C-alpha atoms as a PDB file:
ATOM      1  CA  MET A   1     -36.885   2.771   3.094  1.00  0.00           C
ATOM      2  CA  LEU A   2     -32.890   3.395   1.398  1.00  0.00           C
ATOM      3  CA  ALA A   3     -31.539   1.401   4.572  1.00  0.00           C
ATOM      4  CA  ILE A   4     -32.765  -1.698   3.318  1.00  0.00           C
ATOM      5  CA  PRO A   5     -31.377  -1.667  -0.040  1.00  0.00           C
ATOM      6  CA  VAL A   6     -27.906  -0.501   2.044  1.00  0.00           C
ATOM      7  CA  TRP A   7     -27.860  -3.233   4.054  1.00  0.00           C
ATOM      8  CA  ILE A   8     -28.382  -5.709   1.642  1.00  0.00           C
ATOM      9  CA  LEU A   9     -25.377  -4.381   0.099  1.00  0.00           C
ATOM     10  CA  PHE A  10     -23.048  -3.906   2.772  1.00  0.00           C
ATOM     11  CA  GLU A  11     -24.411  -7.961   3.392  1.00  0.00           C
ATOM     12  CA  ALA A  12     -23.099  -8.700   0.235  1.00  0.00           C
ATOM     13  CA  GLY A  13     -19.984  -7.278   0.355  1.00  0.00           C
ATOM     14  CA  LEU A  14     -19.017  -8.668   3.466  1.00  0.00           C
ATOM     15  CA  TYR A  15     -19.848 -12.247   2.562  1.00  0.00           C
ATOM     16  CA  VAL A  16     -17.987 -11.546  -0.937  1.00  0.00           C
ATOM     17  CA  SER A  17     -14.965 -10.025   0.697  1.00  0.00           C
ATOM     18  CA  LYS A  18     -14.603 -13.522   2.410  1.00  0.00           C
ATOM     19  CA  MET A  19     -14.609 -15.350  -1.092  1.00  0.00           C
ATOM     20  CA  ILE A  20     -11.936 -13.267  -2.362  1.00  0.00           C
ATOM     21  CA  LYS A  21      -8.154 -14.054  -1.249  1.00  0.00           C
ATOM     22  CA  PRO A  22      -5.549 -11.144  -1.563  1.00  0.00           C
ATOM     23  CA  ARG A  23      -2.881 -11.358  -3.982  1.00  0.00           C
ATOM     24  CA  GLU A  24       0.403 -12.829  -3.262  1.00  0.00           C
ATOM     25  CA  SER A  25       3.321  -9.818  -3.621  1.00  0.00           C
ATOM     26  CA  GLU A  26       5.712 -11.214  -6.096  1.00  0.00           C
ATOM     27  CA  ASP A  27       6.530  -7.520  -6.435  1.00  0.00           C
ATOM     28  CA  PRO A  28      10.583  -7.346  -7.154  1.00  0.00           C
ATOM     29  CA  SER A  29      10.220  -3.669  -5.374  1.00  0.00           C
ATOM     30  CA  ASP A  30       9.741  -5.226  -2.307  1.00  0.00           C
ATOM     31  CA  ILE A  31      13.037  -4.102  -0.737  1.00  0.00           C
ATOM     32  CA  SER A  32      14.764  -4.918   3.026  1.00  0.00           C
ATOM     33  CA  ASP A  33      14.169  -2.145   5.303  1.00  0.00           C
ATOM     34  CA  ASP A  34      18.179  -2.043   5.373  1.00  0.00           C
ATOM     35  CA  GLU A  35      18.076  -1.299   1.304  1.00  0.00           C
ATOM     36  CA  LEU A  36      15.360   1.104   2.138  1.00  0.00           C
ATOM     37  CA  GLU A  37      17.153   3.016   5.064  1.00  0.00           C
ATOM     38  CA  ALA A  38      20.377   2.936   2.252  1.00  0.00           C
ATOM     39  CA  GLU A  39      18.024   4.493  -0.465  1.00  0.00           C
ATOM     40  CA  LEU A  40      16.979   7.232   2.190  1.00  0.00           C
ATOM     41  CA  GLU A  41      20.360   8.154   3.158  1.00  0.00           C
ATOM     42  CA  ARG A  42      21.354   8.058  -0.620  1.00  0.00           C
ATOM     43  CA  ALA A  43      18.469  10.793  -1.690  1.00  0.00           C
ATOM     44  CA  ALA A  44      19.093  12.805   1.640  1.00  0.00           C
ATOM     45  CA  ALA A  45      22.797  12.847   0.305  1.00  0.00           C
ATOM     46  CA  GLU A  46      21.698  14.197  -2.668  1.00  0.00           C
ATOM     47  CA  ILE A  47      19.283  17.208  -1.627  1.00  0.00           C
ATOM     48  CA  ASP A  48      22.108  18.346   0.576  1.00  0.00           C
ATOM     49  CA  ASP A  49      24.466  18.499  -2.483  1.00  0.00           C
ATOM     50  CA  ASP A  50      22.106  20.079  -4.666  1.00  0.00           C
ATOM     51  CA  SER A  51      21.268  22.524  -1.915  1.00  0.00           C
ATOM     52  CA  SER A  52      24.416  23.730  -1.220  1.00  0.00           C
ATOM     53  CA  HIS A  53      25.028  24.755  -4.875  1.00  0.00           C
END
């Protein structure tokens, strides 16, 4: 008995999800791979400096 309402909600979710468009990312925190790699290297160096004290 519960399967029919669940199925209807599922189908409604599929229908609604096609109508909703994803947002375009304009987030300034989107950084390139090179910038991310440099940031990770700086963080790793900082951790190494802290652990050597």
